[in-house]
Amino acid sequence: MTLVKSLIALTVGCASLLGATFCLAAAALEPVTIGYSTFSGAYLPLWIAVEEHLGRKYGLDLKAIYAGRIRPQQLLASGEVPFVMASGTGALTSHILGVKDQVIIMTTMNKVNSAIFSRGDIKTAEELRGKTIATGRPGAFGDMMVRYVLRAKLGLVPDRDVKLLAIGEAQLAFPALERGIVQAASLTIPFTLIAKKMGYRELIDYDKAGVVYPYNTITTLRPTPIKNGDLTEKILKAMIEGIYISKTDKEKSLAVLKKYMKGTSDDILEETYQYAKSVVEEVPTPSLEITKTALEILSYQYPQANETDPNLILDTSIMKRIEQSGFIRALYKKCRLITGA
């Protein structure tokens, strides 16, 4: 069984009881799977696109598959998942290291919704010296970003002034904090909200510190928009409609968050939704300037990032075509006519 088939068997399940009529209709749809890397409010537009069957109007049977411990880029490499929704870090670091087969075709968020939280006995960032901070997988977004923030914003050198402990999934940070295995943790939403409610001290909020980054992107292999431009455009339009619903329909959005972020309390879901709604890009065309900033951030870990061409990391051709067609304006114009805004 292939990697993707195994994951689909675990995450999608069987729909064999939906009835003959539906099955015949679905057979005419082109199946497309988008991989995603974690469970957070940043992925709301994708989950909405799947749950609301937004691909159908474009002839697509759209599914989402959780990558689990596998890096999303491994799904791309498998050849069975043509698009992944994940931090831009995978594509960026690949280009930095000389493998230039990936391109970012959409950026839904340029805010990083992350922060460093500490135990109550640590009151300032300076008191992190000699302490240990929990972070995500080595080389992944959380690990890379905390290294940048420590150096550029707090004047601390990772692995010298502060130890970093890669613990993987963010929820594992809380037992590590409680037991004193680590004294601080770098967290993303909704775990930042949970940390506040648990009484941990926020030492630095990355957004408030002015950090911008292609935090959530749709990434694909370079030939895909060229050879399958029609499919790529359909995917991006479905995602844009997912963004639109996330910004304009709170009830549907909260229902979707509740389904995918199982076990999360209603107040955390509400705060997660409000944050995601406020920062998701209405026009999610990747930004060259923010890509340059991201390379600067990564240069703290990879000096060769300073020599990497940001233009090669992006393919904005299809997003710009959609934007110039008036597709996005028409969506929001319809909403404003209905609401009178």
Protein backbone atom coordinates (compact mmCIF):
# COMPACT_ATOMS: atom_id res chain seq x y z
CA MET A 1 0.00 0.00 0.00
CA THR A 2 1.42 3.39 -0.95
CA LEU A 3 2.18 6.14 1.57
CA VAL A 4 -0.78 8.26 0.49
CA LYS A 5 -3.23 5.35 0.32
CA SER A 6 -2.25 4.39 3.86
CA LEU A 7 -2.83 7.91 5.11
CA ILE A 8 -6.16 8.22 3.32
CA ALA A 9 -7.27 4.92 4.83
CA LEU A 10 -6.54 6.36 8.28
CA THR A 11 -7.93 9.87 7.84
CA VAL A 12 -10.65 9.87 5.20
CA GLY A 13 -12.53 6.61 5.73
CA CYS A 14 -15.00 4.91 3.45
CA ALA A 15 -18.06 6.57 1.91
CA SER A 16 -19.59 3.46 0.36
CA LEU A 17 -23.02 3.98 1.95
CA LEU A 18 -23.79 7.36 0.41
CA GLY A 19 -26.07 5.96 -2.25
CA ALA A 20 -25.86 5.09 -5.92
CA THR A 21 -26.92 8.51 -7.19
CA PHE A 22 -24.17 10.29 -5.31
CA CYS A 23 -21.59 7.71 -6.35
CA LEU A 24 -22.43 8.21 -10.01
CA ALA A 25 -22.14 11.98 -9.62
CA ALA A 26 -18.87 11.69 -7.71
CA ALA A 27 -17.43 9.43 -10.40
CA ALA A 28 -17.49 12.35 -12.81
CA LEU A 29 -15.38 14.48 -10.44
CA GLU A 30 -11.60 14.56 -10.67
CA PRO A 31 -10.15 13.41 -7.33
CA VAL A 32 -7.55 15.77 -5.83
CA THR A 33 -5.92 15.49 -2.42
CA ILE A 34 -4.23 18.33 -0.54
CA GLY A 35 -1.88 17.45 2.27
CA TYR A 36 -1.66 19.56 5.43
CA SER A 37 0.77 19.59 8.30
CA THR A 38 -1.00 20.29 11.59
CA PHE A 39 -4.28 21.08 13.32
CA SER A 40 -4.63 24.83 13.83
CA GLY A 41 -6.91 27.67 12.80
CA ALA A 42 -4.55 28.48 9.93
CA TYR A 43 -5.96 25.49 8.03
CA LEU A 44 -9.59 26.59 8.35
CA PRO A 45 -9.98 27.63 4.66
CA LEU A 46 -8.81 24.19 3.50
CA TRP A 47 -11.08 22.34 5.91
CA ILE A 48 -14.02 24.52 4.84
CA ALA A 49 -13.27 23.84 1.16
CA VAL A 50 -13.43 20.10 1.89
CA GLU A 51 -16.45 20.12 4.21
CA GLU A 52 -18.48 22.46 2.00
CA HIS A 53 -17.52 20.50 -1.15
CA LEU A 54 -16.34 23.69 -2.81
CA GLY A 55 -14.38 21.73 -5.40
CA ARG A 56 -17.55 20.29 -6.97
CA LYS A 57 -18.44 23.43 -8.90
CA TYR A 58 -15.02 23.11 -10.55
CA GLY A 59 -15.36 19.38 -11.24
CA LEU A 60 -13.15 18.32 -8.34
CA ASP A 61 -13.58 15.76 -5.59
CA LEU A 62 -11.42 17.59 -3.06
CA LYS A 63 -9.97 15.80 -0.04
CA ALA A 64 -7.51 16.80 2.66
CA ILE A 65 -4.99 14.45 4.23
CA TYR A 66 -3.04 15.02 7.44
CA ALA A 67 0.67 14.38 6.96
CA GLY A 68 1.24 13.30 10.56
CA ARG A 69 4.92 12.80 11.32
CA ILE A 70 5.74 12.94 7.61
CA ARG A 71 6.94 16.28 6.28
CA PRO A 72 4.37 17.67 3.82
CA GLN A 73 7.07 17.88 1.15
CA GLN A 74 7.39 14.10 1.30
CA LEU A 75 3.76 13.91 0.17
CA LEU A 76 4.66 16.05 -2.85
CA ALA A 77 7.63 13.84 -3.60
CA SER A 78 5.38 10.77 -3.54
CA GLY A 79 3.72 12.03 -6.74
CA GLU A 80 0.24 11.21 -5.40
CA VAL A 81 -0.47 14.50 -3.60
CA PRO A 82 -0.03 17.43 -6.02
CA PHE A 83 -0.52 20.23 -3.46
CA VAL A 84 0.26 20.72 0.22
CA MET A 85 -0.86 23.39 2.65
CA ALA A 86 1.94 24.12 5.08
CA SER A 87 4.40 26.70 6.27
CA GLY A 88 6.58 28.10 3.49
CA THR A 89 9.62 26.73 5.33
CA GLY A 90 9.80 23.51 3.32
CA ALA A 91 9.93 25.26 -0.05
CA LEU A 92 12.26 27.98 1.23
CA THR A 93 14.81 25.65 2.79
CA SER A 94 14.75 23.38 -0.26
CA HIS A 95 15.75 26.32 -2.46
CA ILE A 96 18.38 27.42 0.05
CA LEU A 97 19.90 23.93 -0.04
CA GLY A 98 19.86 23.88 -3.85
CA VAL A 99 16.77 21.74 -4.54
CA LYS A 100 14.52 24.07 -6.52
CA ASP A 101 11.65 21.82 -7.53
CA GLN A 102 8.98 23.40 -5.26
CA VAL A 103 7.06 26.66 -5.70
CA ILE A 104 4.66 28.56 -3.47
CA ILE A 105 1.51 29.40 -5.44
CA MET A 106 -0.67 30.87 -2.66
CA THR A 107 -0.04 32.39 0.75
CA THR A 108 -3.06 32.50 3.02
CA MET A 109 -1.30 33.92 6.09
CA ASN A 110 1.70 36.20 6.54
CA LYS A 111 1.34 36.45 10.32
CA VAL A 112 2.96 33.70 12.39
CA ASN A 113 0.59 33.66 15.42
CA SER A 114 3.37 32.37 17.68
CA ALA A 115 4.92 33.30 21.02
CA ILE A 116 7.38 32.12 23.66
CA PHE A 117 5.75 31.23 26.98
CA SER A 118 7.62 30.50 30.19
CA ARG A 119 7.00 29.15 33.67
CA GLY A 120 5.98 31.78 36.20
CA ASP A 121 9.42 32.01 37.82
CA ILE A 122 10.91 33.41 34.57
CA LYS A 123 9.81 37.02 34.28
CA THR A 124 11.97 38.37 31.43
CA ALA A 125 13.57 37.05 28.26
CA GLU A 126 17.01 37.67 29.78
CA GLU A 127 16.19 35.08 32.43
CA LEU A 128 16.04 32.45 29.69
CA ARG A 129 19.86 32.27 29.76
CA GLY A 130 20.91 28.76 30.72
CA LYS A 131 17.35 27.50 30.39
CA THR A 132 15.69 25.07 27.95
CA ILE A 133 12.94 25.96 25.45
CA ALA A 134 10.65 23.36 23.92
CA THR A 135 10.23 23.61 20.17
CA GLY A 136 9.00 21.53 17.23
CA ARG A 137 10.81 19.21 14.86
CA PRO A 138 14.40 20.20 14.02
CA GLY A 139 14.43 22.40 10.91
CA ALA A 140 10.65 22.85 10.88
CA PHE A 141 8.88 26.20 11.21
CA GLY A 142 8.71 26.34 15.03
CA ASP A 143 12.36 25.42 15.49
CA MET A 144 13.57 27.82 12.81
CA MET A 145 11.44 30.72 14.02
CA VAL A 146 12.41 30.47 17.69
CA ARG A 147 16.07 30.50 16.66
CA TYR A 148 15.49 33.70 14.70
CA VAL A 149 13.50 35.41 17.46
CA LEU A 150 16.08 34.52 20.11
CA ARG A 151 18.89 36.07 18.06
CA ALA A 152 17.21 38.98 16.28
CA LYS A 153 14.66 40.08 18.89
CA LEU A 154 16.02 38.95 22.26
CA GLY A 155 19.81 38.98 21.79
CA LEU A 156 20.23 35.34 22.81
CA VAL A 157 22.27 32.76 20.89
CA PRO A 158 20.52 29.39 20.47
CA ASP A 159 22.44 26.35 21.70
CA ARG A 160 24.82 28.64 23.60
CA ASP A 161 22.74 30.97 25.77
CA VAL A 162 19.59 28.86 25.52
CA LYS A 163 19.11 25.14 24.94
CA LEU A 164 16.42 23.98 22.52
CA LEU A 165 14.59 20.70 22.99
CA ALA A 166 12.70 19.34 19.96
CA ILE A 167 9.58 17.70 21.38
CA GLY A 168 7.50 17.40 18.19
CA GLU A 169 3.80 18.04 18.69
CA ALA A 170 3.04 21.34 20.47
CA GLN A 171 0.71 19.81 23.06
CA LEU A 172 3.67 17.90 24.49
CA ALA A 173 5.12 21.22 25.65
CA PHE A 174 2.66 21.48 28.53
CA PRO A 175 3.65 18.34 30.45
CA ALA A 176 7.29 19.24 29.77
CA LEU A 177 6.71 22.70 31.29
CA GLU A 178 4.80 21.29 34.23
CA ARG A 179 7.51 18.77 35.08
CA GLY A 180 10.33 21.28 34.65
CA ILE A 181 11.90 19.40 31.75
CA VAL A 182 11.79 22.75 29.92
CA GLN A 183 11.36 26.24 31.33
CA ALA A 184 9.76 27.79 28.25
CA ALA A 185 8.13 26.80 24.96
CA SER A 186 7.66 28.29 21.51
CA LEU A 187 3.97 27.82 20.65
CA THR A 188 1.52 28.63 17.87
CA ILE A 189 -2.22 29.27 18.08
CA PRO A 190 -4.34 27.64 19.57
CA PHE A 191 -1.63 26.50 21.99
CA THR A 192 -0.74 30.14 22.74
CA LEU A 193 -4.32 30.63 23.94
CA ILE A 194 -4.18 27.47 26.03
CA ALA A 195 -0.88 28.60 27.59
CA LYS A 196 -2.44 31.93 28.62
CA LYS A 197 -5.38 30.18 30.25
CA MET A 198 -3.01 27.84 32.10
CA GLY A 199 -1.18 30.83 33.57
CA TYR A 200 2.12 30.63 31.70
CA ARG A 201 3.90 33.93 31.08
CA GLU A 202 4.10 35.35 27.55
CA LEU A 203 7.67 36.59 27.03
CA ILE A 204 7.35 37.69 23.40
CA ASP A 205 4.53 37.67 20.83
CA TYR A 206 6.06 37.23 17.37
CA ASP A 207 3.31 39.20 15.62
CA LYS A 208 3.69 42.15 18.00
CA ALA A 209 7.45 41.97 17.48
CA GLY A 210 6.84 42.65 13.77
CA VAL A 211 7.68 39.21 12.42
CA VAL A 212 6.16 38.48 8.98
CA TYR A 213 6.62 35.25 7.10
CA PRO A 214 4.78 33.08 4.53
CA TYR A 215 3.30 31.15 7.43
CA ASN A 216 0.63 29.25 5.57
CA THR A 217 0.98 28.46 1.89
CA ILE A 218 -0.15 26.21 -0.91
CA THR A 219 3.00 24.65 -2.33
CA THR A 220 3.42 22.37 -5.33
CA LEU A 221 6.11 21.07 -7.65
CA ARG A 222 7.31 23.53 -10.27
CA PRO A 223 5.88 21.73 -13.35
CA THR A 224 2.35 21.53 -11.90
CA PRO A 225 1.11 25.09 -12.66
CA ILE A 226 2.67 24.82 -16.12
CA LYS A 227 1.39 21.39 -17.13
CA ASN A 228 -1.83 21.46 -15.09
CA GLY A 229 -2.73 25.14 -15.03
CA ASP A 230 -6.46 24.46 -15.25
CA LEU A 231 -6.39 22.10 -12.24
CA THR A 232 -4.23 24.54 -10.28
CA GLU A 233 -6.64 27.39 -10.95
CA LYS A 234 -9.60 25.28 -9.80
CA ILE A 235 -7.81 24.38 -6.57
CA LEU A 236 -6.91 28.00 -5.86
CA LYS A 237 -10.46 29.18 -6.54
CA ALA A 238 -11.85 26.58 -4.14
CA MET A 239 -9.35 27.76 -1.52
CA ILE A 240 -10.28 31.41 -2.11
CA GLU A 241 -13.92 30.51 -1.53
CA GLY A 242 -12.86 28.69 1.64
CA ILE A 243 -11.16 31.90 2.79
CA TYR A 244 -14.29 33.88 1.92
CA ILE A 245 -16.51 31.60 4.02
CA SER A 246 -14.02 31.70 6.91
CA LYS A 247 -14.29 35.49 6.91
CA THR A 248 -18.05 35.77 6.45
CA ASP A 249 -19.74 32.73 8.03
CA LYS A 250 -18.87 32.29 11.69
CA GLU A 251 -21.32 29.46 12.31
CA LYS A 252 -19.94 27.24 9.53
CA SER A 253 -16.37 28.12 10.47
CA LEU A 254 -16.77 27.20 14.13
CA ALA A 255 -18.48 23.93 13.19
CA VAL A 256 -15.54 23.01 10.97
CA LEU A 257 -12.97 23.99 13.61
CA LYS A 258 -14.82 21.89 16.17
CA LYS A 259 -14.71 18.87 13.87
CA TYR A 260 -10.99 19.07 13.09
CA MET A 261 -9.71 20.40 16.42
CA LYS A 262 -11.44 17.75 18.50
CA GLY A 263 -11.40 18.24 22.25
CA THR A 264 -10.72 21.98 22.05
CA SER A 265 -12.94 24.04 24.34
CA ASP A 266 -15.54 26.38 22.85
CA ASP A 267 -13.81 29.52 24.17
CA ILE A 268 -10.49 28.51 22.60
CA LEU A 269 -12.26 27.72 19.32
CA GLU A 270 -13.90 31.15 19.40
CA GLU A 271 -10.57 32.92 19.95
CA THR A 272 -8.90 30.76 17.30
CA TYR A 273 -11.60 31.68 14.82
CA GLN A 274 -11.42 35.40 15.55
CA TYR A 275 -7.65 35.41 15.08
CA ALA A 276 -7.77 33.34 11.87
CA LYS A 277 -10.53 35.54 10.45
CA SER A 278 -8.52 38.69 11.12
CA VAL A 279 -5.21 37.58 9.59
CA VAL A 280 -6.11 35.32 6.66
CA GLU A 281 -5.40 37.15 3.40
CA GLU A 282 -8.46 38.16 1.36
CA VAL A 283 -6.19 38.23 -1.71
CA PRO A 284 -3.73 35.38 -1.01
CA THR A 285 -1.17 36.15 -3.73
CA PRO A 286 2.35 35.33 -2.49
CA SER A 287 4.46 38.41 -1.71
CA LEU A 288 7.98 38.76 -3.06
CA GLU A 289 8.89 41.19 -0.27
CA ILE A 290 7.73 38.83 2.46
CA THR A 291 9.62 36.00 0.77
CA LYS A 292 12.76 38.14 0.91
CA THR A 293 12.12 38.73 4.62
CA ALA A 294 11.67 34.99 5.14
CA LEU A 295 15.05 34.31 3.52
CA GLU A 296 16.59 36.89 5.84
CA ILE A 297 15.02 35.08 8.81
CA LEU A 298 16.35 31.75 7.57
CA SER A 299 19.81 33.20 7.03
CA TYR A 300 20.37 33.05 10.79
CA GLN A 301 20.36 29.28 10.43
CA TYR A 302 21.40 28.96 6.76
CA PRO A 303 23.88 31.69 5.72
CA GLN A 304 23.45 30.69 2.07
CA ALA A 305 19.88 32.02 2.24
CA ASN A 306 21.37 35.43 1.49
CA GLU A 307 22.35 34.12 -1.95
CA THR A 308 19.00 32.48 -2.73
CA ASP A 309 16.84 34.03 -5.47
CA PRO A 310 13.35 34.68 -3.98
CA ASN A 311 11.81 34.93 -7.47
CA LEU A 312 12.40 31.21 -8.07
CA ILE A 313 10.48 30.25 -4.92
CA LEU A 314 7.21 31.76 -6.12
CA ASP A 315 4.87 31.14 -9.02
CA THR A 316 2.25 33.87 -8.76
CA SER A 317 1.02 33.57 -12.36
CA ILE A 318 -2.26 31.80 -11.66
CA MET A 319 -3.11 33.77 -8.51
CA LYS A 320 -2.53 37.02 -10.40
CA ARG A 321 -4.75 35.81 -13.23
CA ILE A 322 -7.53 34.99 -10.76
CA GLU A 323 -7.07 38.32 -8.99
CA GLN A 324 -7.14 40.32 -12.25
CA SER A 325 -10.25 38.47 -13.46
CA GLY A 326 -12.31 40.04 -10.68
CA PHE A 327 -13.15 36.63 -9.14
CA ILE A 328 -12.19 37.71 -5.60
CA ARG A 329 -13.85 41.12 -5.83
CA ALA A 330 -17.08 39.50 -7.00
CA LEU A 331 -17.18 37.19 -3.96
CA TYR A 332 -16.86 39.99 -1.44
CA LYS A 333 -19.06 42.39 -3.42
CA LYS A 334 -21.86 39.82 -3.18
CA CYS A 335 -21.38 39.64 0.59
CA ARG A 336 -21.39 43.43 0.96
CA LEU A 337 -24.58 43.73 -1.09
CA ILE A 338 -26.29 41.18 1.15
CA THR A 339 -25.11 42.73 4.42
CA GLY A 340 -25.35 46.33 3.27
CA ALA A 341 -21.76 46.94 4.38
